[in-house]
């Protein structure tokens, strides 16, 4: 699979990576055997970038990745984790002592001395403007605890603030055919600054797979049940912030645009890969088959221009007014 450089870090990632939130929590139950089989399928399909976080299953996702990689020493996989969401979300918690403690825990979970890429995990907005926070992150690099650092953001404004920081290697942001605002300012700014873009929530929590209807029922422990209105964390993380009924209707229109040889999910992933400035896209997967299908999007032919135009028209008509004023 093609790889792209992650901004200033000099590290490389497959254009389709693997998001592993679902291997830890909040997407319904996934047992250890299933989780390991997903990682195996992704790696065998050419994925060289795994994204996780210390809060995914309270470390379970990190530990599962470590277990998998211990059994596959032949593989070269860049592992990015995130930190900061295991404490009260106030700027005062984003200090060097906490960073060291969080980093120590993630290094133990991952079984490494140095983490490839660590990202602040959607912290409070003022954190992005704090010189002390980024000085502390620089210290983690100097102490060889991490090779590079980035941020995960909720809004385009947060992304632009982070991109202006001289040592930020990457920005992780929601980008998909139902969340296009980053195309206008964030991706051009990242390209100009040499910052990598990690596109998350690429399928709008599965909406863009075209598999769901208004009658679909998700498990009680699935965030698509308990966070539709932002009850647990930012609403934009669930269905990209789109009202579910609107999303289902728009997703049906999106699926109708799928070219021959693609699935709707692959159409969404291919659209993201083709956006200038995107380094990698990180769909999740709950089965080996899904992991392989996601990875296959990297090898599909470029989208026809008329398809890309129709995707943009659908967004402008059905989605834009719901999301752009918020994120």
Protein backbone atom coordinates (compact mmCIF):
# COMPACT_ATOMS: atom_id res chain seq x y z
CA UNK A 1 0.00 0.00 0.00
CA UNK A 2 1.17 3.53 -0.71
CA UNK A 3 2.57 5.47 2.25
CA UNK A 4 2.76 9.20 2.94
CA UNK A 5 4.99 11.14 5.29
CA UNK A 6 3.44 12.40 8.53
CA UNK A 7 4.39 16.03 8.28
CA UNK A 8 7.48 17.23 10.09
CA UNK A 9 8.00 13.91 11.88
CA UNK A 10 9.62 12.21 8.92
CA UNK A 11 7.58 9.12 9.78
CA UNK A 12 5.50 7.27 7.19
CA UNK A 13 1.99 5.88 7.34
CA UNK A 14 -0.09 3.81 4.94
CA UNK A 15 -2.73 5.92 3.23
CA UNK A 16 -5.35 3.72 4.89
CA UNK A 17 -4.60 3.10 8.54
CA UNK A 18 -6.62 1.42 11.26
CA UNK A 19 -8.52 3.19 14.00
CA UNK A 20 -8.82 1.00 17.10
CA UNK A 21 -11.41 2.74 19.27
CA UNK A 22 -13.77 -0.15 18.55
CA UNK A 23 -11.23 -2.66 19.88
CA UNK A 24 -11.40 -1.04 23.30
CA UNK A 25 -14.89 0.24 24.00
CA UNK A 26 -17.98 2.20 22.98
CA UNK A 27 -18.86 0.20 19.84
CA UNK A 28 -20.34 -2.88 21.46
CA UNK A 29 -18.41 -5.94 22.59
CA UNK A 30 -15.34 -7.18 20.69
CA UNK A 31 -13.50 -10.09 22.29
CA UNK A 32 -9.70 -10.45 22.31
CA UNK A 33 -9.61 -13.08 19.57
CA UNK A 34 -11.72 -10.93 17.27
CA UNK A 35 -9.59 -7.87 18.01
CA UNK A 36 -6.36 -9.69 17.18
CA UNK A 37 -7.84 -11.05 13.96
CA UNK A 38 -8.75 -7.50 12.88
CA UNK A 39 -5.18 -6.30 13.50
CA UNK A 40 -3.79 -9.29 11.60
CA UNK A 41 -6.06 -8.72 8.61
CA UNK A 42 -5.22 -5.02 8.45
CA UNK A 43 -1.47 -5.66 8.61
CA UNK A 44 -1.66 -8.38 5.97
CA UNK A 45 -3.52 -5.92 3.72
CA UNK A 46 -0.65 -3.43 3.95
CA UNK A 47 -1.78 -1.18 6.80
CA UNK A 48 1.26 0.26 8.61
CA UNK A 49 -0.46 2.81 10.88
CA UNK A 50 -2.51 1.94 13.96
CA UNK A 51 -4.23 4.72 15.91
CA UNK A 52 -5.26 4.14 19.51
CA UNK A 53 -5.72 6.02 22.80
CA UNK A 54 -5.15 5.41 26.50
CA UNK A 55 -8.88 5.82 27.12
CA UNK A 56 -10.03 3.16 24.62
CA UNK A 57 -11.16 0.45 27.00
CA UNK A 58 -9.02 2.16 29.67
CA UNK A 59 -5.88 0.83 27.99
CA UNK A 60 -7.32 -2.36 26.49
CA UNK A 61 -6.83 -1.18 22.90
CA UNK A 62 -3.18 -0.27 23.55
CA UNK A 63 -2.57 -3.62 25.23
CA UNK A 64 -4.19 -5.54 22.39
CA UNK A 65 -1.96 -3.82 19.85
CA UNK A 66 1.10 -4.63 21.99
CA UNK A 67 0.09 -8.28 22.21
CA UNK A 68 -0.37 -8.47 18.46
CA UNK A 69 2.95 -6.82 17.61
CA UNK A 70 4.88 -9.01 20.07
CA UNK A 71 3.73 -11.96 18.03
CA UNK A 72 4.69 -10.34 14.73
CA UNK A 73 8.22 -8.93 15.12
CA UNK A 74 8.57 -8.96 11.33
CA UNK A 75 6.05 -6.17 10.92
CA UNK A 76 6.83 -2.47 10.77
CA UNK A 77 3.78 -0.66 12.11
CA UNK A 78 3.75 2.92 13.38
CA UNK A 79 1.56 3.16 16.48
CA UNK A 80 0.03 6.48 17.43
CA UNK A 81 -1.74 6.87 20.75
CA UNK A 82 -3.57 9.73 22.44
CA UNK A 83 -3.63 11.07 25.98
CA UNK A 84 -5.61 13.42 28.17
CA UNK A 85 -9.16 12.08 28.37
CA UNK A 86 -8.80 10.03 31.54
CA UNK A 87 -9.02 13.12 33.77
CA UNK A 88 -11.38 16.03 34.25
CA UNK A 89 -11.33 18.14 31.11
CA UNK A 90 -9.89 21.39 32.44
CA UNK A 91 -6.79 23.13 31.06
CA UNK A 92 -5.07 22.91 34.45
CA UNK A 93 -4.65 19.15 33.99
CA UNK A 94 -2.54 19.57 30.86
CA UNK A 95 0.86 19.88 32.57
CA UNK A 96 4.22 18.12 32.26
CA UNK A 97 3.87 15.94 35.36
CA UNK A 98 0.59 14.56 34.08
CA UNK A 99 2.00 14.13 30.59
CA UNK A 100 4.84 12.04 32.01
CA UNK A 101 2.45 9.91 34.05
CA UNK A 102 0.10 9.36 31.11
CA UNK A 103 3.05 8.58 28.86
CA UNK A 104 4.49 6.09 31.35
CA UNK A 105 1.17 4.24 31.40
CA UNK A 106 0.85 4.14 27.61
CA UNK A 107 4.44 2.97 27.19
CA UNK A 108 3.74 0.12 29.62
CA UNK A 109 0.52 -0.76 27.83
CA UNK A 110 2.24 -0.70 24.44
CA UNK A 111 5.40 -2.41 25.66
CA UNK A 112 7.75 0.20 24.22
CA UNK A 113 10.37 2.60 25.53
CA UNK A 114 9.38 5.36 23.10
CA UNK A 115 6.00 5.97 21.50
CA UNK A 116 6.08 6.73 17.76
CA UNK A 117 3.45 9.49 17.87
CA UNK A 118 1.48 10.82 20.83
CA UNK A 119 -1.48 13.14 20.38
CA UNK A 120 -3.41 15.34 22.77
CA UNK A 121 -6.88 13.81 22.75
CA UNK A 122 -9.32 16.62 21.95
CA UNK A 123 -8.41 18.72 24.99
CA UNK A 124 -10.24 21.89 26.10
CA UNK A 125 -9.89 24.63 23.50
CA UNK A 126 -7.58 26.89 25.59
CA UNK A 127 -4.97 24.11 25.69
CA UNK A 128 -4.10 24.69 22.04
CA UNK A 129 -3.05 28.28 22.84
CA UNK A 130 -0.83 27.41 25.83
CA UNK A 131 2.92 27.81 25.34
CA UNK A 132 3.51 25.73 28.46
CA UNK A 133 1.60 22.78 27.02
CA UNK A 134 3.73 22.66 23.90
CA UNK A 135 6.92 23.21 25.89
CA UNK A 136 5.91 20.14 27.91
CA UNK A 137 5.36 18.13 24.74
CA UNK A 138 8.78 19.21 23.50
CA UNK A 139 10.19 17.92 26.78
CA UNK A 140 8.67 14.49 26.13
CA UNK A 141 10.54 14.42 22.83
CA UNK A 142 13.78 15.58 24.45
CA UNK A 143 13.45 12.86 27.08
CA UNK A 144 12.97 10.30 24.26
CA UNK A 145 9.59 9.26 25.62
CA UNK A 146 7.98 10.04 22.26
CA UNK A 147 9.38 10.38 18.76
CA UNK A 148 6.88 13.04 17.69
CA UNK A 149 3.63 14.63 18.81
CA UNK A 150 0.42 15.95 17.37
CA UNK A 151 -3.11 16.85 18.38
CA UNK A 152 -6.59 15.52 17.84
CA UNK A 153 -9.17 18.27 17.46
CA UNK A 154 -12.91 18.79 17.28
CA UNK A 155 -13.01 22.09 15.36
CA UNK A 156 -11.27 23.67 12.42
CA UNK A 157 -10.33 26.64 14.59
CA UNK A 158 -8.50 24.33 17.01
CA UNK A 159 -6.71 22.71 14.08
CA UNK A 160 -5.48 26.04 12.74
CA UNK A 161 -4.19 27.06 16.18
CA UNK A 162 -2.26 23.79 16.48
CA UNK A 163 -0.85 23.96 12.95
CA UNK A 164 0.79 27.28 13.84
CA UNK A 165 2.89 25.53 16.50
CA UNK A 166 6.39 24.83 15.13
CA UNK A 167 6.80 21.24 16.34
CA UNK A 168 3.33 19.81 15.82
CA UNK A 169 3.75 16.88 13.44
CA UNK A 170 0.12 15.99 12.85
CA UNK A 171 -3.48 17.04 13.30
CA UNK A 172 -6.20 14.44 13.59
CA UNK A 173 -9.58 15.78 12.51
CA UNK A 174 -12.97 14.50 11.42
CA UNK A 175 -13.07 14.55 7.61
CA UNK A 176 -15.50 12.67 5.41
CA UNK A 177 -18.17 13.34 2.75
CA UNK A 178 -20.47 14.52 5.56
CA UNK A 179 -17.81 16.80 7.12
CA UNK A 180 -16.10 18.88 4.44
CA UNK A 181 -15.26 22.12 6.25
CA UNK A 182 -11.58 21.12 6.84
CA UNK A 183 -11.05 21.22 3.07
CA UNK A 184 -11.31 24.99 2.97
CA UNK A 185 -8.69 26.18 5.45
CA UNK A 186 -7.25 23.32 7.49
CA UNK A 187 -5.81 21.18 4.72
CA UNK A 188 -4.21 24.14 2.88
CA UNK A 189 -2.70 25.43 6.14
CA UNK A 190 -1.37 21.97 7.00
CA UNK A 191 0.20 21.58 3.55
CA UNK A 192 1.89 24.97 3.85
CA UNK A 193 3.23 24.22 7.34
CA UNK A 194 4.31 20.65 6.67
CA UNK A 195 1.82 19.14 9.12
CA UNK A 196 0.29 15.71 8.52
CA UNK A 197 -3.48 15.24 8.49
CA UNK A 198 -4.99 12.11 10.02
CA UNK A 199 -8.62 11.83 8.92
CA UNK A 200 -10.83 10.19 11.52
CA UNK A 201 -14.53 9.19 11.63
CA UNK A 202 -14.26 8.62 7.88
CA UNK A 203 -17.52 6.70 7.58
CA UNK A 204 -19.51 9.02 9.88
CA UNK A 205 -19.80 6.25 12.48
CA UNK A 206 -20.86 3.79 9.81
CA UNK A 207 -23.55 5.93 8.15
CA UNK A 208 -21.57 6.12 4.93
CA UNK A 209 -21.43 2.35 4.67
CA UNK A 210 -25.07 2.51 3.60
CA UNK A 211 -25.98 -0.38 5.91
CA UNK A 212 -28.22 1.42 8.38
CA UNK A 213 -31.88 2.33 8.30
CA UNK A 214 -34.04 4.45 10.55
CA UNK A 215 -34.99 1.24 12.37
CA UNK A 216 -31.43 0.06 13.07
CA UNK A 217 -30.85 -0.61 16.77
CA UNK A 218 -27.32 -0.29 18.21
CA UNK A 219 -26.15 -1.91 21.45
CA UNK A 220 -26.65 -0.03 24.69
CA UNK A 221 -22.87 0.27 25.16
CA UNK A 222 -22.39 1.64 21.62
CA UNK A 223 -21.84 5.41 21.42
CA UNK A 224 -24.26 5.49 18.49
CA UNK A 225 -26.93 4.81 21.10
CA UNK A 226 -25.79 6.83 24.10
CA UNK A 227 -24.09 9.86 22.51
CA UNK A 228 -26.40 10.96 19.71
CA UNK A 229 -26.85 14.37 21.32
CA UNK A 230 -23.42 14.65 22.93
CA UNK A 231 -24.39 13.15 26.28
CA UNK A 232 -20.97 11.54 26.88
CA UNK A 233 -18.52 13.46 24.67
CA UNK A 234 -18.55 15.81 21.70
CA UNK A 235 -21.60 15.14 19.55
CA UNK A 236 -19.49 15.47 16.42
CA UNK A 237 -17.82 12.13 17.18
CA UNK A 238 -21.14 10.31 16.63
CA UNK A 239 -22.45 10.28 13.04
CA UNK A 240 -20.20 13.33 12.45
CA UNK A 241 -22.76 15.36 14.36
CA UNK A 242 -25.46 14.78 11.74
CA UNK A 243 -28.99 14.06 12.93
CA UNK A 244 -29.45 10.30 12.52
CA UNK A 245 -32.60 10.40 10.40
CA UNK A 246 -31.10 13.01 8.08
CA UNK A 247 -27.90 10.99 7.95
CA UNK A 248 -29.65 7.78 6.96
CA UNK A 249 -31.51 9.53 4.15
CA UNK A 250 -28.37 11.28 2.89
CA UNK A 251 -26.38 8.05 3.17
CA UNK A 252 -28.87 6.33 0.87
CA UNK A 253 -28.29 9.07 -1.70
CA UNK A 254 -24.54 8.72 -1.18
CA UNK A 255 -24.68 4.96 -1.74
CA UNK A 256 -26.49 5.54 -5.03
CA UNK A 257 -23.39 7.41 -6.27
CA UNK A 258 -21.10 4.39 -5.80
CA UNK A 259 -19.15 3.56 -8.97
CA UNK A 260 -18.94 -0.02 -10.20
CA UNK A 261 -16.30 -1.97 -8.29
CA UNK A 262 -16.64 0.08 -5.09
CA UNK A 263 -18.71 -0.33 -1.97
CA UNK A 264 -20.20 2.82 -0.41
CA UNK A 265 -17.64 2.63 2.41
CA UNK A 266 -14.80 2.38 -0.10
CA UNK A 267 -16.23 5.35 -1.96
CA UNK A 268 -16.05 7.42 1.22
CA UNK A 269 -12.51 6.28 2.00
CA UNK A 270 -11.34 6.84 -1.58
CA UNK A 271 -12.82 10.35 -1.55
CA UNK A 272 -10.83 11.17 1.60
CA UNK A 273 -7.57 9.68 0.28
CA UNK A 274 -7.83 11.91 -2.79
CA UNK A 275 -8.08 15.17 -0.80
CA UNK A 276 -4.83 17.12 -1.16
CA UNK A 277 -3.08 17.22 2.21
CA UNK A 278 -4.49 14.05 3.78
CA UNK A 279 -1.76 11.76 5.09
CA UNK A 280 -3.81 8.80 6.23
CA UNK A 281 -7.42 7.88 6.91
CA UNK A 282 -8.20 5.67 9.91
CA UNK A 283 -11.42 3.68 9.58
CA UNK A 284 -12.22 1.25 12.33
CA UNK A 285 -13.10 -2.39 11.72
CA UNK A 286 -14.91 -5.00 13.78
CA UNK A 287 -14.09 -7.98 11.54
CA UNK A 288 -11.17 -9.11 9.37
CA UNK A 289 -13.38 -8.81 6.29
CA UNK A 290 -14.12 -5.18 7.07
CA UNK A 291 -10.44 -4.43 7.68
CA UNK A 292 -9.49 -5.94 4.33
CA UNK A 293 -12.26 -4.10 2.48
CA UNK A 294 -11.22 -0.78 4.01
CA UNK A 295 -7.58 -1.32 3.03
CA UNK A 296 -8.61 -2.20 -0.52
CA UNK A 297 -9.86 1.37 -1.02
CA UNK A 298 -6.22 2.42 -1.36
CA UNK A 299 -5.86 0.45 -4.58
CA UNK A 300 -9.08 1.45 -6.28
CA UNK A 301 -8.91 3.72 -9.34
CA UNK A 302 -9.37 7.49 -8.90
CA UNK A 303 -12.94 8.63 -8.58
CA UNK A 304 -14.67 9.95 -11.70
CA UNK A 305 -14.99 13.72 -11.60
CA UNK A 306 -18.75 13.53 -11.86
CA UNK A 307 -18.86 11.36 -8.74
CA UNK A 308 -16.82 13.84 -6.73
CA UNK A 309 -19.03 16.66 -7.96
CA UNK A 310 -22.18 14.78 -6.96
CA UNK A 311 -20.77 14.08 -3.48
CA UNK A 312 -20.14 17.78 -2.98
CA UNK A 313 -23.64 18.66 -4.17
CA UNK A 314 -25.16 16.17 -1.74
CA UNK A 315 -23.16 17.64 1.15
CA UNK A 316 -24.15 21.19 0.29
CA UNK A 317 -27.81 20.25 -0.02
CA UNK A 318 -28.32 17.88 2.91
CA UNK A 319 -25.50 18.21 5.46
CA UNK A 320 -23.63 21.51 5.40
CA UNK A 321 -26.11 23.59 7.37
CA UNK A 322 -26.18 21.04 10.19
CA UNK A 323 -22.44 20.85 10.86
CA UNK A 324 -20.37 23.72 9.54
CA UNK A 325 -21.42 26.32 12.13
CA UNK A 326 -20.38 23.99 14.96
CA UNK A 327 -17.13 22.36 13.87
